[in-house]
Every structure is written in structure tokens, then in C-alpha cells.
């Protein structure tokens, strides 16, 4: 399987259209399964099409010495995030709000406000820093797993994480006046 993927990756990098078809046939089920964890069911196929469109659009950027699977899943992750950011129709069920415990809900409200500030700071980071932080803190990947998934050196993951967290701390300090 790995040898077949490596061969597909070399052909894809050279711009052979049949390589895209082979990548889709080989990695499509994995990408669909991955997207199903994050994207609402009715939208999965649309996002998957965007993933493989992007694979073809930037095929010359793929380094055949790295994992094709990791590279494609990295693109899938970015397209899933883009899709979720565009959605504004997410509604919190009223029943879940009724379950808020506490004297008057201030503690929960403060936590939700803090979470919103963290998300805002995260959105202000450069994409490479945001990407590794989201992989680590929201998806539970280790730094080694992130390096493989994104096809970058482990040291790069560590540097991006450290710089991203420092930048986020500064942004949060500014918003909270800490």
C-alpha cells in the first residue's frame, strides 16, 4: 500500500491527471471517514470535492519524499476547518442552556466568553501556527503525529507551537488587560 501511494505521489507531483484519479480511489474512503468526524453529513461530499480539487491545484507543491496520505489529510483538515468557519447556522438548543448550573450562570458565561476570546486569538495566528495548535489541543495529536500528518519536520512543529502559544498569550493579554 505504501509503495503504491509513493508511486501515485510521484506521478501526482509530475502532474499526471490519472494520478489524481488513483489518489481519489485510494485515499477517498480515508478522507471521507476523516471528514465525517468534523463536517455535517450533508456537506461531506462537497468538502471532499474541494479537498481533491486542492490536491490537484497544488500538486506541484507535494514532496514525493513525504507521506501522500499525510499531505492529503492535511489538506482535508484545512478544508474542513474552512467549511466549519463559514457555517453560521449553528444553534445552541434551549434545553442545553436550561441545564446551566450555578447561582445565576455567571461562571458558565465567563467560561464561554473566555473560550470565545481564545478562539478569536487563535484565529488571529498565522495559519501554520494555528494549524499545529489546533492539531495538538483540539484533536489530541502528539507533536510527532502532527509532523507526519503535515509532512513537516518535528522541530518545525515544536517551533510553530511555541511561537503560536506565545503570540496567543500576548493577544489574550491585550484583550483582557491582564
C-alpha atoms as a PDB file:
ATOM      1  CA  UNK A   1       0.000   0.000   0.000  1.00  0.00           C
ATOM      2  CA  UNK A   2       2.747   2.464   0.939  1.00  0.00           C
ATOM      3  CA  UNK A   3       4.705   1.674  -2.229  1.00  0.00           C
ATOM      4  CA  UNK A   4       1.559   2.215  -4.315  1.00  0.00           C
ATOM      5  CA  UNK A   5       0.896   5.538  -2.563  1.00  0.00           C
ATOM      6  CA  UNK A   6       4.504   6.611  -3.106  1.00  0.00           C
ATOM      7  CA  UNK A   7       4.186   5.817  -6.820  1.00  0.00           C
ATOM      8  CA  UNK A   8       0.907   7.765  -7.022  1.00  0.00           C
ATOM      9  CA  UNK A   9       2.585  10.657  -5.205  1.00  0.00           C
ATOM     10  CA  UNK A  10       5.466  10.787  -7.701  1.00  0.00           C
ATOM     11  CA  UNK A  11       3.018  10.762 -10.633  1.00  0.00           C
ATOM     12  CA  UNK A  12       0.846  13.407  -8.976  1.00  0.00           C
ATOM     13  CA  UNK A  13       3.851  15.655  -8.430  1.00  0.00           C
ATOM     14  CA  UNK A  14       4.681  15.350 -12.145  1.00  0.00           C
ATOM     15  CA  UNK A  15       1.134  16.472 -12.986  1.00  0.00           C
ATOM     16  CA  UNK A  16      -0.304  13.239 -14.396  1.00  0.00           C
ATOM     17  CA  UNK A  17      -4.127  13.547 -14.338  1.00  0.00           C
ATOM     18  CA  UNK A  18      -4.540   9.771 -13.889  1.00  0.00           C
ATOM     19  CA  UNK A  19      -2.591  10.078 -10.618  1.00  0.00           C
ATOM     20  CA  UNK A  20      -5.345  12.278  -9.195  1.00  0.00           C
ATOM     21  CA  UNK A  21      -7.905   9.604 -10.051  1.00  0.00           C
ATOM     22  CA  UNK A  22      -5.722   6.962  -8.394  1.00  0.00           C
ATOM     23  CA  UNK A  23      -5.260   9.160  -5.311  1.00  0.00           C
ATOM     24  CA  UNK A  24      -9.007   9.697  -5.113  1.00  0.00           C
ATOM     25  CA  UNK A  25      -9.726   5.991  -5.481  1.00  0.00           C
ATOM     26  CA  UNK A  26      -7.060   5.014  -2.923  1.00  0.00           C
ATOM     27  CA  UNK A  27      -7.425   7.792  -0.340  1.00  0.00           C
ATOM     28  CA  UNK A  28     -11.052   8.830  -0.916  1.00  0.00           C
ATOM     29  CA  UNK A  29     -12.548   6.463   1.695  1.00  0.00           C
ATOM     30  CA  UNK A  30      -9.989   7.579   4.301  1.00  0.00           C
ATOM     31  CA  UNK A  31     -10.626  11.260   3.559  1.00  0.00           C
ATOM     32  CA  UNK A  32     -14.388  10.741   3.707  1.00  0.00           C
ATOM     33  CA  UNK A  33     -14.072   8.964   7.067  1.00  0.00           C
ATOM     34  CA  UNK A  34     -11.824  11.747   8.375  1.00  0.00           C
ATOM     35  CA  UNK A  35     -14.214  14.478   7.216  1.00  0.00           C
ATOM     36  CA  UNK A  36     -17.187  12.660   8.771  1.00  0.00           C
ATOM     37  CA  UNK A  37     -15.695  13.372  12.202  1.00  0.00           C
ATOM     38  CA  UNK A  38     -15.899  17.140  11.675  1.00  0.00           C
ATOM     39  CA  UNK A  39     -18.229  18.044   8.833  1.00  0.00           C
ATOM     40  CA  UNK A  40     -22.025  17.587   8.936  1.00  0.00           C
ATOM     41  CA  UNK A  41     -23.126  14.563   6.903  1.00  0.00           C
ATOM     42  CA  UNK A  42     -24.882  16.505   4.100  1.00  0.00           C
ATOM     43  CA  UNK A  43     -21.704  18.535   3.442  1.00  0.00           C
ATOM     44  CA  UNK A  44     -19.067  15.779   3.413  1.00  0.00           C
ATOM     45  CA  UNK A  45     -19.086  15.138  -0.338  1.00  0.00           C
ATOM     46  CA  UNK A  46     -18.809  18.852  -1.142  1.00  0.00           C
ATOM     47  CA  UNK A  47     -15.846  19.264   1.188  1.00  0.00           C
ATOM     48  CA  UNK A  48     -14.256  16.096  -0.204  1.00  0.00           C
ATOM     49  CA  UNK A  49     -14.514  17.518  -3.731  1.00  0.00           C
ATOM     50  CA  UNK A  50     -12.792  20.679  -2.511  1.00  0.00           C
ATOM     51  CA  UNK A  51     -10.038  18.561  -0.951  1.00  0.00           C
ATOM     52  CA  UNK A  52      -9.207  16.728  -4.172  1.00  0.00           C
ATOM     53  CA  UNK A  53      -9.596  19.899  -6.233  1.00  0.00           C
ATOM     54  CA  UNK A  54      -6.958  21.438  -3.939  1.00  0.00           C
ATOM     55  CA  UNK A  55      -4.759  18.330  -4.222  1.00  0.00           C
ATOM     56  CA  UNK A  56      -4.723  18.817  -7.991  1.00  0.00           C
ATOM     57  CA  UNK A  57      -4.419  22.615  -7.842  1.00  0.00           C
ATOM     58  CA  UNK A  58      -1.249  22.471  -5.711  1.00  0.00           C
ATOM     59  CA  UNK A  59       0.092  19.094  -6.864  1.00  0.00           C
ATOM     60  CA  UNK A  60       3.499  20.570  -7.693  1.00  0.00           C
ATOM     61  CA  UNK A  61       3.946  21.528  -4.011  1.00  0.00           C
ATOM     62  CA  UNK A  62       3.731  17.897  -2.915  1.00  0.00           C
ATOM     63  CA  UNK A  63       7.133  16.480  -1.941  1.00  0.00           C
ATOM     64  CA  UNK A  64       7.201  12.836  -3.099  1.00  0.00           C
ATOM     65  CA  UNK A  65       9.650  12.048  -0.297  1.00  0.00           C
ATOM     66  CA  UNK A  66       6.891  12.700   2.266  1.00  0.00           C
ATOM     67  CA  UNK A  67       3.686  10.812   3.025  1.00  0.00           C
ATOM     68  CA  UNK A  68       0.965  11.363   0.420  1.00  0.00           C
ATOM     69  CA  UNK A  69      -1.617  10.227   2.977  1.00  0.00           C
ATOM     70  CA  UNK A  70      -0.440  12.847   5.497  1.00  0.00           C
ATOM     71  CA  UNK A  71      -0.336  15.585   2.874  1.00  0.00           C
ATOM     72  CA  UNK A  72      -3.866  14.847   1.629  1.00  0.00           C
ATOM     73  CA  UNK A  73      -5.222  14.589   5.202  1.00  0.00           C
ATOM     74  CA  UNK A  74      -3.592  17.939   5.990  1.00  0.00           C
ATOM     75  CA  UNK A  75      -5.488  19.475   3.078  1.00  0.00           C
ATOM     76  CA  UNK A  76      -8.687  17.729   4.229  1.00  0.00           C
ATOM     77  CA  UNK A  77      -8.255  19.192   7.687  1.00  0.00           C
ATOM     78  CA  UNK A  78      -7.834  22.707   6.313  1.00  0.00           C
ATOM     79  CA  UNK A  79     -10.894  22.404   4.064  1.00  0.00           C
ATOM     80  CA  UNK A  80     -12.973  21.013   6.972  1.00  0.00           C
ATOM     81  CA  UNK A  81     -11.944  23.971   9.146  1.00  0.00           C
ATOM     82  CA  UNK A  82     -12.728  26.402   6.330  1.00  0.00           C
ATOM     83  CA  UNK A  83     -16.147  24.807   5.912  1.00  0.00           C
ATOM     84  CA  UNK A  84     -16.940  24.973   9.628  1.00  0.00           C
ATOM     85  CA  UNK A  85     -15.837  28.602   9.859  1.00  0.00           C
ATOM     86  CA  UNK A  86     -18.226  29.549   7.066  1.00  0.00           C
ATOM     87  CA  UNK A  87     -21.178  27.980   8.834  1.00  0.00           C
ATOM     88  CA  UNK A  88     -23.123  30.464  10.889  1.00  0.00           C
ATOM     89  CA  UNK A  89     -26.277  28.423  11.319  1.00  0.00           C
ATOM     90  CA  UNK A  90     -25.121  26.585  14.427  1.00  0.00           C
ATOM     91  CA  UNK A  91     -27.749  26.993  17.129  1.00  0.00           C
ATOM     92  CA  UNK A  92     -27.469  26.001  20.772  1.00  0.00           C
ATOM     93  CA  UNK A  93     -30.533  24.008  21.866  1.00  0.00           C
ATOM     94  CA  UNK A  94     -32.580  25.794  24.520  1.00  0.00           C
ATOM     95  CA  UNK A  95     -32.671  22.646  26.659  1.00  0.00           C
ATOM     96  CA  UNK A  96     -28.875  22.674  26.979  1.00  0.00           C
ATOM     97  CA  UNK A  97     -28.976  26.264  28.253  1.00  0.00           C
ATOM     98  CA  UNK A  98     -31.539  25.317  30.893  1.00  0.00           C
ATOM     99  CA  UNK A  99     -29.012  22.817  32.257  1.00  0.00           C
ATOM    100  CA  UNK A 100     -26.527  25.550  33.210  1.00  0.00           C
ATOM    101  CA  UNK A 101     -25.750  25.153  36.873  1.00  0.00           C
ATOM    102  CA  UNK A 102     -24.793  27.868  39.333  1.00  0.00           C
ATOM    103  CA  UNK A 103     -26.454  30.715  41.132  1.00  0.00           C
ATOM    104  CA  UNK A 104     -27.120  32.759  38.040  1.00  0.00           C
ATOM    105  CA  UNK A 105     -24.998  31.189  35.308  1.00  0.00           C
ATOM    106  CA  UNK A 106     -22.208  33.778  35.528  1.00  0.00           C
ATOM    107  CA  UNK A 107     -19.487  31.148  35.908  1.00  0.00           C
ATOM    108  CA  UNK A 108     -20.569  29.370  32.718  1.00  0.00           C
ATOM    109  CA  UNK A 109     -20.979  32.688  30.918  1.00  0.00           C
ATOM    110  CA  UNK A 110     -17.438  33.703  31.897  1.00  0.00           C
ATOM    111  CA  UNK A 111     -16.039  30.382  30.659  1.00  0.00           C
ATOM    112  CA  UNK A 112     -17.900  30.758  27.370  1.00  0.00           C
ATOM    113  CA  UNK A 113     -16.621  34.327  26.997  1.00  0.00           C
ATOM    114  CA  UNK A 114     -13.048  33.163  27.720  1.00  0.00           C
ATOM    115  CA  UNK A 115     -13.416  30.331  25.175  1.00  0.00           C
ATOM    116  CA  UNK A 116     -14.592  32.894  22.628  1.00  0.00           C
ATOM    117  CA  UNK A 117     -11.561  35.090  23.357  1.00  0.00           C
ATOM    118  CA  UNK A 118      -9.236  32.095  22.973  1.00  0.00           C
ATOM    119  CA  UNK A 119     -10.868  31.175  19.648  1.00  0.00           C
ATOM    120  CA  UNK A 120     -10.541  34.781  18.495  1.00  0.00           C
ATOM    121  CA  UNK A 121      -6.843  34.855  19.411  1.00  0.00           C
ATOM    122  CA  UNK A 122      -6.322  31.513  17.690  1.00  0.00           C
ATOM    123  CA  UNK A 123      -7.992  32.840  14.522  1.00  0.00           C
ATOM    124  CA  UNK A 124      -5.548  35.772  14.514  1.00  0.00           C
ATOM    125  CA  UNK A 125      -2.496  33.487  14.350  1.00  0.00           C
ATOM    126  CA  UNK A 126      -0.731  32.781  11.070  1.00  0.00           C
ATOM    127  CA  UNK A 127      -2.128  29.577   9.533  1.00  0.00           C
ATOM    128  CA  UNK A 128       0.978  27.398  10.186  1.00  0.00           C
ATOM    129  CA  UNK A 129       0.935  28.245  13.909  1.00  0.00           C
ATOM    130  CA  UNK A 130      -2.844  27.927  14.213  1.00  0.00           C
ATOM    131  CA  UNK A 131      -2.755  24.591  12.408  1.00  0.00           C
ATOM    132  CA  UNK A 132      -0.295  22.888  14.780  1.00  0.00           C
ATOM    133  CA  UNK A 133      -2.050  24.277  17.860  1.00  0.00           C
ATOM    134  CA  UNK A 134      -5.438  23.050  16.645  1.00  0.00           C
ATOM    135  CA  UNK A 135      -3.995  19.614  15.873  1.00  0.00           C
ATOM    136  CA  UNK A 136      -2.426  19.413  19.346  1.00  0.00           C
ATOM    137  CA  UNK A 137      -5.083  20.962  21.565  1.00  0.00           C
ATOM    138  CA  UNK A 138      -8.334  20.299  19.743  1.00  0.00           C
ATOM    139  CA  UNK A 139      -7.595  16.997  18.058  1.00  0.00           C
ATOM    140  CA  UNK A 140      -5.225  15.464  20.605  1.00  0.00           C
ATOM    141  CA  UNK A 141      -2.334  14.765  18.226  1.00  0.00           C
ATOM    142  CA  UNK A 142       1.204  14.451  19.578  1.00  0.00           C
ATOM    143  CA  UNK A 143       3.849  16.653  18.029  1.00  0.00           C
ATOM    144  CA  UNK A 144       5.301  13.628  16.207  1.00  0.00           C
ATOM    145  CA  UNK A 145       1.861  12.790  14.786  1.00  0.00           C
ATOM    146  CA  UNK A 146       1.418  16.401  13.668  1.00  0.00           C
ATOM    147  CA  UNK A 147       4.770  16.292  11.876  1.00  0.00           C
ATOM    148  CA  UNK A 148       3.716  13.171   9.975  1.00  0.00           C
ATOM    149  CA  UNK A 149       0.210  14.462   9.193  1.00  0.00           C
ATOM    150  CA  UNK A 150       1.513  17.769   7.846  1.00  0.00           C
ATOM    151  CA  UNK A 151       4.661  16.335   6.296  1.00  0.00           C
ATOM    152  CA  UNK A 152       6.969  18.754   8.134  1.00  0.00           C
ATOM    153  CA  UNK A 153       9.952  18.196  10.456  1.00  0.00           C
ATOM    154  CA  UNK A 154       9.277  17.676  14.168  1.00  0.00           C
ATOM    155  CA  UNK A 155      11.413  20.731  15.014  1.00  0.00           C
ATOM    156  CA  UNK A 156       9.189  22.881  12.820  1.00  0.00           C
ATOM    157  CA  UNK A 157       6.114  21.638  14.682  1.00  0.00           C
ATOM    158  CA  UNK A 158       7.736  22.487  18.027  1.00  0.00           C
ATOM    159  CA  UNK A 159       8.786  25.950  16.868  1.00  0.00           C
ATOM    160  CA  UNK A 160       5.371  26.771  15.396  1.00  0.00           C
ATOM    161  CA  UNK A 161       3.647  25.567  18.565  1.00  0.00           C
ATOM    162  CA  UNK A 162       5.885  27.594  20.880  1.00  0.00           C
ATOM    163  CA  UNK A 163       5.638  30.761  18.794  1.00  0.00           C
ATOM    164  CA  UNK A 164       1.895  30.360  18.347  1.00  0.00           C
ATOM    165  CA  UNK A 165       1.295  29.915  22.069  1.00  0.00           C
ATOM    166  CA  UNK A 166       3.475  32.941  22.849  1.00  0.00           C
ATOM    167  CA  UNK A 167       1.591  35.051  20.317  1.00  0.00           C
ATOM    168  CA  UNK A 168      -1.768  33.847  21.679  1.00  0.00           C
ATOM    169  CA  UNK A 169      -0.711  34.739  25.228  1.00  0.00           C
ATOM    170  CA  UNK A 170       0.123  38.253  24.053  1.00  0.00           C
ATOM    171  CA  UNK A 171      -3.160  38.606  22.197  1.00  0.00           C
ATOM    172  CA  UNK A 172      -5.140  37.378  25.197  1.00  0.00           C
ATOM    173  CA  UNK A 173      -3.230  39.737  27.495  1.00  0.00           C
ATOM    174  CA  UNK A 174      -4.227  42.648  25.267  1.00  0.00           C
ATOM    175  CA  UNK A 175      -7.913  41.667  25.170  1.00  0.00           C
ATOM    176  CA  UNK A 176      -8.213  41.011  28.888  1.00  0.00           C
ATOM    177  CA  UNK A 177      -5.902  43.754  30.092  1.00  0.00           C
ATOM    178  CA  UNK A 178      -4.030  41.230  32.254  1.00  0.00           C
END
